Amino acid sequence: MTDSSHNNDAPTILVGVDFGLPHFDGELEELGLLAQTAGLRPVARVTCKRKAPDAALFVGSGKADEIKALAVLHGATEILFDQSLSPAQQRNLERHMGIAVNDRTLLILEIFAQRARSHEGKLQVELAKLQYLSTRLVRRWSHLERQSGGIGMRGGPGESQIELDRRMIGESIKRTRERLEKVKRQRSTQRRQRQRRDAFTISLVGYTNAGKSTLFNALVKARAYAADQLFATLDTTTRQLYLGDKQGGGRSVSLSDTVGFIRDLPHGLIDAFQATLQEAADATLLMHVVDASNPNFPEQMDEVHKVLAEIGAADVPQVLVFNKLDAISEDKRPMQLHDHYTVDGQAVPRFFVSARTGEGLLALREYLAQEAMQHMPDDLTTPPVLD
């Protein structure tokens, strides 16, 4: 069962507009993966170049006619834009096309809504979605607004349906925020207790689908959900990572797997996911997992650093883990599996590994053990006191 406005397997036209920005995805590959993750079926892709978005239709009327004809030809029931549309552009496009038009922001919100498992994750998605909906003409989104049932509000004599909807959504946002604050407080108490027990915590961060959960499972033998898809993990999972008797002095440290980052992550989601991403900001060490087989890995790394800066985790020490070594062709394999890579003028330790086959993991474990030993308090023999 999915919490989604999309029909599963709905034939969808993908649209991307090149405004001359360096990260423009000419093949619309990422949007296609996002669409499939949400249960849609891309049937055609359209890209065009513009200096600036058209105020009314984003792509201009000529291109809108072309997309409409393509939708008719393929029997498409939805059109999906790779950029964010303003509420007015979306409304105008739907009138022009005669079918549903959505943007990247809603698509990511929908995937998050389908994937969130924990109470906190669900609240965070709900808040982000409500904030998104509050900017739209609300009535047409009522199928997404499950919380609206049974409130039974009656407007005053001159109150229009839209004003009513806005008020209802405003109250839902307030309620959800309050509930989220409560969960945040509980989580930060848990984190403080863990930090008292454990001076050393590691957070896995990285672009979505870099293989973080597979690496997490390989390191801690957990059964966290891992799949070759975008946003397989939404909720932070924390496990103890045993560092071995020889290197780690028989010690364990906390390892947390966090949600994957993505280009143009909706701002509402960064705000809503603050609590989840707080694990990264409070870590002693960030393990930044990179898909070494993806030719766009430098751009993906930049996106991760951007989000880390937004959540106040830019200064946390990092180790780079270039994963998916098994997916790199023989002629492109690195000469050494451990070296340094320059990030913002600083040399950061880098390890090449394959979380799938286990290659390179021993050297990574040894490095983590050394780092943990350096942070180890001298009086480890006395048990920690928890007040």
Protein backbone atom coordinates (compact mmCIF):
# COMPACT_ATOMS: atom_id res chain seq x y z
CA MET A 1 0.00 0.00 0.00
CA THR A 2 1.41 3.39 -0.85
CA ASP A 3 0.58 6.82 0.42
CA SER A 4 0.69 8.40 -3.01
CA SER A 5 -1.31 10.46 -5.45
CA HIS A 6 0.30 8.63 -8.35
CA ASN A 7 -1.21 5.60 -10.03
CA ASN A 8 1.25 2.77 -9.84
CA ASP A 9 2.86 2.02 -13.16
CA ALA A 10 1.31 5.21 -14.61
CA PRO A 11 2.79 6.08 -18.03
CA THR A 12 4.72 9.32 -17.41
CA ILE A 13 6.50 11.92 -19.57
CA LEU A 14 9.72 13.28 -18.03
CA VAL A 15 10.63 16.91 -18.73
CA GLY A 16 13.89 18.72 -17.99
CA VAL A 17 14.85 22.31 -18.81
CA ASP A 18 18.49 23.25 -19.30
CA PHE A 19 19.07 26.74 -17.87
CA GLY A 20 22.84 26.40 -18.40
CA LEU A 21 23.55 25.11 -14.87
CA PRO A 22 26.49 22.69 -14.57
CA HIS A 23 24.51 19.82 -13.04
CA PHE A 24 21.83 19.59 -15.76
CA ASP A 25 21.04 15.91 -16.29
CA GLY A 26 20.65 15.77 -20.08
CA GLU A 27 19.49 12.13 -20.03
CA LEU A 28 17.07 12.76 -17.12
CA GLU A 29 18.56 9.60 -15.66
CA GLU A 30 18.08 10.52 -12.00
CA LEU A 31 14.50 11.72 -12.57
CA GLY A 32 13.77 8.43 -14.34
CA LEU A 33 15.11 6.47 -11.34
CA LEU A 34 13.09 8.62 -8.94
CA ALA A 35 9.95 8.06 -11.06
CA GLN A 36 10.48 4.29 -11.07
CA THR A 37 11.12 4.32 -7.31
CA ALA A 38 7.73 6.03 -6.86
CA GLY A 39 6.05 3.36 -9.02
CA LEU A 40 5.72 5.39 -12.24
CA ARG A 41 6.66 4.21 -15.75
CA PRO A 42 8.59 6.76 -17.85
CA VAL A 43 7.50 6.44 -21.49
CA ALA A 44 9.20 9.51 -23.04
CA ARG A 45 11.76 12.17 -22.12
CA VAL A 46 11.77 15.80 -23.26
CA THR A 47 14.56 18.32 -22.71
CA CYS A 48 14.83 21.90 -23.88
CA LYS A 49 17.07 24.93 -23.39
CA ARG A 50 15.89 28.24 -21.99
CA LYS A 51 17.57 31.32 -20.53
CA ALA A 52 14.93 31.59 -17.80
CA PRO A 53 11.67 29.81 -16.89
CA ASP A 54 8.53 31.04 -18.64
CA ALA A 55 6.45 32.80 -15.95
CA ALA A 56 3.19 31.14 -16.96
CA LEU A 57 4.09 27.68 -18.33
CA PHE A 58 7.74 27.20 -17.26
CA VAL A 59 8.63 25.83 -20.74
CA GLY A 60 6.70 28.30 -22.95
CA SER A 61 3.55 27.57 -24.95
CA GLY A 62 5.21 25.99 -28.02
CA LYS A 63 7.07 23.40 -25.95
CA ALA A 64 3.95 22.83 -23.79
CA ASP A 65 1.99 21.97 -26.99
CA GLU A 66 4.75 19.54 -28.02
CA ILE A 67 4.68 17.82 -24.60
CA LYS A 68 0.87 17.61 -24.75
CA ALA A 69 1.01 15.92 -28.19
CA LEU A 70 3.61 13.46 -26.88
CA ALA A 71 1.41 12.66 -23.86
CA VAL A 72 -1.52 11.89 -26.17
CA LEU A 73 0.70 9.74 -28.42
CA HIS A 74 1.97 7.63 -25.49
CA GLY A 75 -1.27 7.61 -23.49
CA ALA A 76 0.57 9.26 -20.58
CA THR A 77 -1.43 10.07 -17.46
CA GLU A 78 1.19 12.27 -15.79
CA ILE A 79 3.90 14.79 -16.68
CA LEU A 80 6.88 15.10 -14.37
CA PHE A 81 9.28 18.06 -14.30
CA ASP A 82 12.88 17.72 -13.10
CA GLN A 83 12.71 21.19 -11.53
CA SER A 84 10.39 22.77 -8.97
CA LEU A 85 7.30 24.44 -10.42
CA SER A 86 5.53 27.39 -8.81
CA PRO A 87 1.89 26.73 -7.85
CA ALA A 88 0.74 29.02 -10.72
CA GLN A 89 2.95 27.27 -13.32
CA GLN A 90 1.69 23.89 -12.21
CA ARG A 91 -1.95 25.01 -12.39
CA ASN A 92 -1.47 26.60 -15.85
CA LEU A 93 0.32 23.51 -17.19
CA GLU A 94 -2.44 21.21 -15.97
CA ARG A 95 -5.08 23.36 -17.66
CA HIS A 96 -2.99 23.43 -20.85
CA MET A 97 -2.21 19.68 -20.89
CA GLY A 98 -5.43 18.32 -19.45
CA ILE A 99 -3.54 15.78 -17.28
CA ALA A 100 -1.71 15.75 -13.92
CA VAL A 101 1.54 17.73 -13.81
CA ASN A 102 3.96 17.26 -10.90
CA ASP A 103 7.50 18.33 -10.06
CA ARG A 104 10.65 16.82 -8.58
CA THR A 105 9.83 18.19 -5.12
CA LEU A 106 6.49 16.38 -4.83
CA LEU A 107 8.03 13.23 -6.30
CA ILE A 108 10.74 13.13 -3.61
CA LEU A 109 8.14 13.85 -0.91
CA GLU A 110 6.00 10.96 -2.20
CA ILE A 111 8.94 8.53 -2.16
CA PHE A 112 9.73 9.60 1.40
CA ALA A 113 6.08 9.11 2.36
CA GLN A 114 6.15 5.58 0.92
CA ARG A 115 9.43 4.68 2.63
CA ALA A 116 9.28 6.23 6.12
CA ARG A 117 8.97 3.46 8.70
CA SER A 118 9.58 5.05 12.10
CA HIS A 119 7.14 7.33 13.92
CA GLU A 120 9.64 10.19 13.60
CA GLY A 121 10.25 9.59 9.88
CA LYS A 122 6.51 9.60 9.19
CA LEU A 123 6.03 12.85 11.14
CA GLN A 124 8.91 14.50 9.28
CA VAL A 125 7.51 13.56 5.86
CA GLU A 126 4.02 14.63 6.92
CA LEU A 127 5.34 18.06 7.95
CA ALA A 128 7.30 18.56 4.70
CA LYS A 129 4.30 17.48 2.64
CA LEU A 130 1.91 19.76 4.52
CA GLN A 131 4.29 22.69 4.00
CA TYR A 132 4.43 21.92 0.28
CA LEU A 133 0.65 21.60 0.05
CA SER A 134 0.07 24.85 1.93
CA THR A 135 1.50 26.77 -1.04
CA ARG A 136 -0.81 25.05 -3.56
CA LEU A 137 -4.50 25.47 -4.19
CA VAL A 138 -5.44 22.90 -1.67
CA ARG A 139 -8.71 21.37 -2.77
CA ARG A 140 -7.22 19.41 -5.66
CA TRP A 141 -4.74 17.79 -3.24
CA SER A 142 -7.38 16.65 -0.76
CA HIS A 143 -6.63 12.99 -1.57
CA LEU A 144 -3.18 13.48 -0.02
CA GLU A 145 -4.50 15.18 3.09
CA ARG A 146 -5.53 12.20 5.19
CA GLN A 147 -5.45 14.12 8.44
CA SER A 148 -8.29 16.40 7.25
CA GLY A 149 -10.99 13.81 7.83
CA GLY A 150 -13.20 14.26 10.85
CA ILE A 151 -12.09 17.72 11.90
CA GLY A 152 -15.52 18.98 10.95
CA MET A 153 -14.67 22.69 10.90
CA ARG A 154 -17.23 25.12 9.64
CA GLY A 155 -16.11 28.43 8.19
CA GLY A 156 -17.60 31.77 9.12
CA PRO A 157 -20.16 33.30 6.73
CA GLY A 158 -17.65 34.84 4.31
CA GLU A 159 -14.92 32.15 4.53
CA SER A 160 -14.12 30.56 1.17
CA GLN A 161 -13.26 26.88 0.75
CA ILE A 162 -9.60 27.77 0.07
CA GLU A 163 -9.33 29.87 3.23
CA LEU A 164 -10.85 26.98 5.15
CA ASP A 165 -8.36 24.57 3.62
CA ARG A 166 -5.46 26.89 4.39
CA ARG A 167 -6.56 27.20 8.00
CA MET A 168 -6.97 23.43 8.29
CA ILE A 169 -3.52 22.77 6.83
CA GLY A 170 -2.01 25.51 9.02
CA GLU A 171 -3.41 23.76 12.10
CA SER A 172 -2.14 20.37 10.87
CA ILE A 173 1.35 21.87 10.42
CA LYS A 174 1.26 23.27 13.96
CA ARG A 175 0.14 19.93 15.44
CA THR A 176 2.73 17.95 13.49
CA ARG A 177 5.50 20.39 14.51
CA GLU A 178 4.60 19.96 18.19
CA ARG A 179 4.63 16.17 17.92
CA LEU A 180 7.97 16.28 16.09
CA GLU A 181 9.49 18.53 18.78
CA LYS A 182 8.56 15.93 21.40
CA VAL A 183 10.20 13.13 19.39
CA LYS A 184 13.29 15.33 18.83
CA ARG A 185 13.67 15.85 22.58
CA GLN A 186 13.47 12.09 23.21
CA ARG A 187 16.06 11.42 20.50
CA SER A 188 18.53 14.00 21.80
CA THR A 189 18.24 12.49 25.32
CA GLN A 190 19.05 9.05 23.84
CA ARG A 191 21.97 10.57 21.94
CA ARG A 192 23.39 12.26 25.06
CA GLN A 193 23.25 8.96 26.95
CA ARG A 194 25.02 7.23 24.07
CA GLN A 195 27.71 9.93 23.95
CA ARG A 196 28.37 9.52 27.68
CA ARG A 197 28.81 5.78 27.22
CA ASP A 198 30.60 6.03 23.92
CA ALA A 199 33.07 8.81 23.24
CA PHE A 200 33.36 7.76 19.59
CA THR A 201 30.44 7.74 17.14
CA ILE A 202 30.53 7.29 13.36
CA SER A 203 27.80 8.43 10.95
CA LEU A 204 27.49 7.15 7.40
CA VAL A 205 26.58 9.91 4.96
CA GLY A 206 26.51 10.03 1.16
CA TYR A 207 24.50 10.58 -1.98
CA THR A 208 21.48 8.32 -2.31
CA ASN A 209 22.25 4.86 -3.74
CA ALA A 210 26.00 5.07 -2.96
CA GLY A 211 25.65 1.77 -1.08
CA LYS A 212 25.60 3.10 2.49
CA SER A 213 23.19 0.47 3.84
CA THR A 214 25.10 -2.37 2.15
CA LEU A 215 28.32 -1.08 3.74
CA PHE A 216 26.54 -0.66 7.09
CA ASN A 217 25.34 -4.28 6.92
CA ALA A 218 28.81 -5.53 5.92
CA LEU A 219 30.44 -3.72 8.85
CA VAL A 220 27.98 -4.51 11.62
CA LYS A 221 26.29 -7.65 10.22
CA ALA A 222 22.92 -5.92 10.65
CA ARG A 223 19.98 -6.59 8.40
CA ALA A 224 19.15 -2.98 7.55
CA TYR A 225 17.15 -2.71 4.32
CA ALA A 226 19.52 -2.29 1.38
CA ALA A 227 18.49 -2.12 -2.26
CA ASP A 228 19.78 -0.73 -5.54
CA GLN A 229 17.34 2.16 -5.59
CA LEU A 230 17.09 5.78 -4.51
CA PHE A 231 16.24 6.41 -0.84
CA ALA A 232 16.21 2.77 0.26
CA THR A 233 16.92 4.03 3.81
CA LEU A 234 15.04 6.91 5.42
CA ASP A 235 15.22 6.24 9.11
CA THR A 236 18.50 6.42 11.00
CA THR A 237 19.66 3.01 12.24
CA THR A 238 22.37 2.82 14.91
CA ARG A 239 24.29 -0.37 15.74
CA GLN A 240 27.44 -1.27 17.63
CA LEU A 241 30.49 -1.82 15.41
CA TYR A 242 32.97 -4.24 16.98
CA LEU A 243 36.52 -3.19 16.14
CA GLY A 244 38.30 -6.46 16.92
CA ASP A 245 40.58 -7.47 19.79
CA LYS A 246 43.86 -6.75 18.06
CA GLN A 247 43.22 -3.33 16.52
CA GLY A 248 40.29 -2.06 18.58
CA GLY A 249 41.18 -3.42 22.01
CA GLY A 250 37.95 -5.43 22.03
CA ARG A 251 35.98 -2.20 21.85
CA SER A 252 32.74 -1.30 20.06
CA VAL A 253 31.72 2.10 18.70
CA SER A 254 28.33 3.39 17.52
CA LEU A 255 27.74 3.39 13.76
CA SER A 256 24.67 5.18 12.33
CA ASP A 257 23.26 4.86 8.81
CA THR A 258 21.45 8.04 7.67
CA VAL A 259 19.14 9.06 4.82
CA GLY A 260 20.83 9.56 1.43
CA PHE A 261 21.30 13.07 0.06
CA ILE A 262 20.22 14.16 -3.42
CA ARG A 263 20.53 17.18 -5.70
CA ASP A 264 17.81 19.80 -5.09
CA LEU A 265 16.55 18.07 -1.97
CA PRO A 266 13.35 20.00 -1.13
CA HIS A 267 14.15 22.53 1.60
CA GLY A 268 11.13 21.48 3.60
CA LEU A 269 12.71 18.05 3.78
CA ILE A 270 16.06 19.35 5.03
CA ASP A 271 14.17 21.25 7.73
CA ALA A 272 11.93 18.30 8.52
CA PHE A 273 14.83 15.84 8.57
CA GLN A 274 16.95 17.98 10.89
CA ALA A 275 16.46 15.50 13.72
CA THR A 276 17.48 12.51 11.61
CA LEU A 277 20.46 14.32 10.13
CA GLN A 278 21.45 15.55 13.60
CA GLU A 279 23.15 12.16 14.02
CA ALA A 280 25.63 13.32 11.38
CA ALA A 281 26.23 16.73 12.98
CA ASP A 282 26.90 15.13 16.39
CA ALA A 283 29.21 12.34 15.15
CA THR A 284 32.93 12.15 15.97
CA LEU A 285 33.66 10.95 12.44
CA LEU A 286 31.69 11.03 9.18
CA MET A 287 32.13 8.11 6.84
CA HIS A 288 31.28 9.73 3.49
CA VAL A 289 30.30 6.89 1.13
CA VAL A 290 30.77 7.62 -2.59
CA ASP A 291 29.63 5.51 -5.55
CA ALA A 292 33.02 5.16 -7.24
CA SER A 293 31.42 3.61 -10.34
CA ASN A 294 29.28 6.70 -11.01
CA PRO A 295 30.99 9.14 -13.42
CA ASN A 296 29.19 12.05 -11.70
CA PHE A 297 30.65 11.29 -8.27
CA PRO A 298 32.38 14.73 -7.88
CA GLU A 299 29.02 16.54 -8.29
CA GLN A 300 27.37 14.08 -5.91
CA MET A 301 30.10 14.73 -3.32
CA ASP A 302 29.50 18.48 -3.68
CA GLU A 303 25.78 18.01 -3.01
CA VAL A 304 26.54 16.03 0.16
CA HIS A 305 28.94 18.74 1.38
CA LYS A 306 26.27 21.38 0.70
CA VAL A 307 23.72 19.57 2.89
CA LEU A 308 26.34 18.90 5.59
CA ALA A 309 27.04 22.64 5.71
CA GLU A 310 23.29 23.34 6.05
CA ILE A 311 22.92 21.01 9.04
CA GLY A 312 26.07 22.29 10.76
CA ALA A 313 28.19 19.19 10.10
CA ALA A 314 30.73 20.72 7.68
CA ASP A 315 33.55 20.67 10.27
CA VAL A 316 33.12 17.08 11.43
CA PRO A 317 36.22 15.03 10.39
CA GLN A 318 35.60 12.77 7.39
CA VAL A 319 36.92 9.59 5.91
CA LEU A 320 35.99 8.93 2.26
CA VAL A 321 34.85 5.44 1.33
CA PHE A 322 34.75 4.94 -2.44
CA ASN A 323 32.34 2.02 -2.66
CA LYS A 324 31.30 -0.33 -5.53
CA LEU A 325 34.86 -1.30 -6.42
CA ASP A 326 33.36 -4.48 -7.93
CA ALA A 327 31.46 -2.30 -10.46
CA ILE A 328 34.62 -0.58 -11.79
CA SER A 329 36.18 -2.09 -14.93
CA GLU A 330 39.67 -3.60 -14.58
CA ASP A 331 41.36 -0.82 -16.59
CA LYS A 332 39.88 1.87 -14.31
CA ARG A 333 40.68 0.23 -10.97
CA PRO A 334 42.85 2.33 -8.64
CA MET A 335 46.51 1.34 -8.18
CA GLN A 336 46.17 1.65 -4.39
CA LEU A 337 43.11 0.91 -2.28
CA HIS A 338 44.07 3.54 0.30
CA ASP A 339 45.22 7.09 -0.48
CA HIS A 340 44.19 10.70 0.14
CA TYR A 341 41.70 12.83 -1.81
CA THR A 342 41.58 16.62 -1.70
CA VAL A 343 38.35 18.16 -0.40
CA ASP A 344 38.23 21.98 -0.03
CA GLY A 345 42.04 22.14 -0.09
CA GLN A 346 42.41 19.45 2.61
CA ALA A 347 43.73 15.92 2.14
CA VAL A 348 41.08 13.47 3.37
CA PRO A 349 41.88 9.73 3.87
CA ARG A 350 40.21 7.63 1.16
CA PHE A 351 39.54 3.89 1.02
CA PHE A 352 38.31 1.94 -2.00
CA VAL A 353 35.99 -0.90 -0.97
CA SER A 354 33.29 -3.20 -2.24
CA ALA A 355 30.62 -3.56 0.44
CA ARG A 356 29.14 -6.36 -1.71
CA THR A 357 32.24 -8.56 -1.97
CA GLY A 358 34.04 -7.35 1.17
CA GLU A 359 37.17 -6.23 -0.70
CA GLY A 360 39.04 -3.44 1.12
CA LEU A 361 36.89 -3.64 4.29
CA LEU A 362 39.71 -4.94 6.51
CA ALA A 363 41.89 -1.87 5.88
CA LEU A 364 38.88 0.40 6.56
CA ARG A 365 38.17 -1.41 9.86
CA GLU A 366 41.81 -1.05 10.91
CA TYR A 367 41.68 2.69 10.20
CA LEU A 368 38.44 3.09 12.20
CA ALA A 369 39.98 1.13 15.09
CA GLN A 370 43.04 3.42 15.13
CA GLU A 371 40.83 6.53 15.10
CA ALA A 372 38.67 5.15 17.92
CA MET A 373 41.75 4.25 20.00
CA GLN A 374 42.98 7.85 19.73
CA HIS A 375 39.67 9.11 21.09
CA MET A 376 39.50 6.49 23.79
CA PRO A 377 39.41 7.90 27.34
CA ASP A 378 42.31 6.76 29.55
CA ASP A 379 40.11 5.40 32.31
CA LEU A 380 38.41 2.78 30.14
CA THR A 381 38.82 0.28 32.94
CA THR A 382 36.20 2.08 35.06
CA PRO A 383 32.65 1.46 33.89
CA PRO A 384 30.82 4.60 32.68
CA VAL A 385 28.35 6.16 35.11
CA LEU A 386 24.97 6.92 33.63
CA ASP A 387 23.00 9.49 35.57
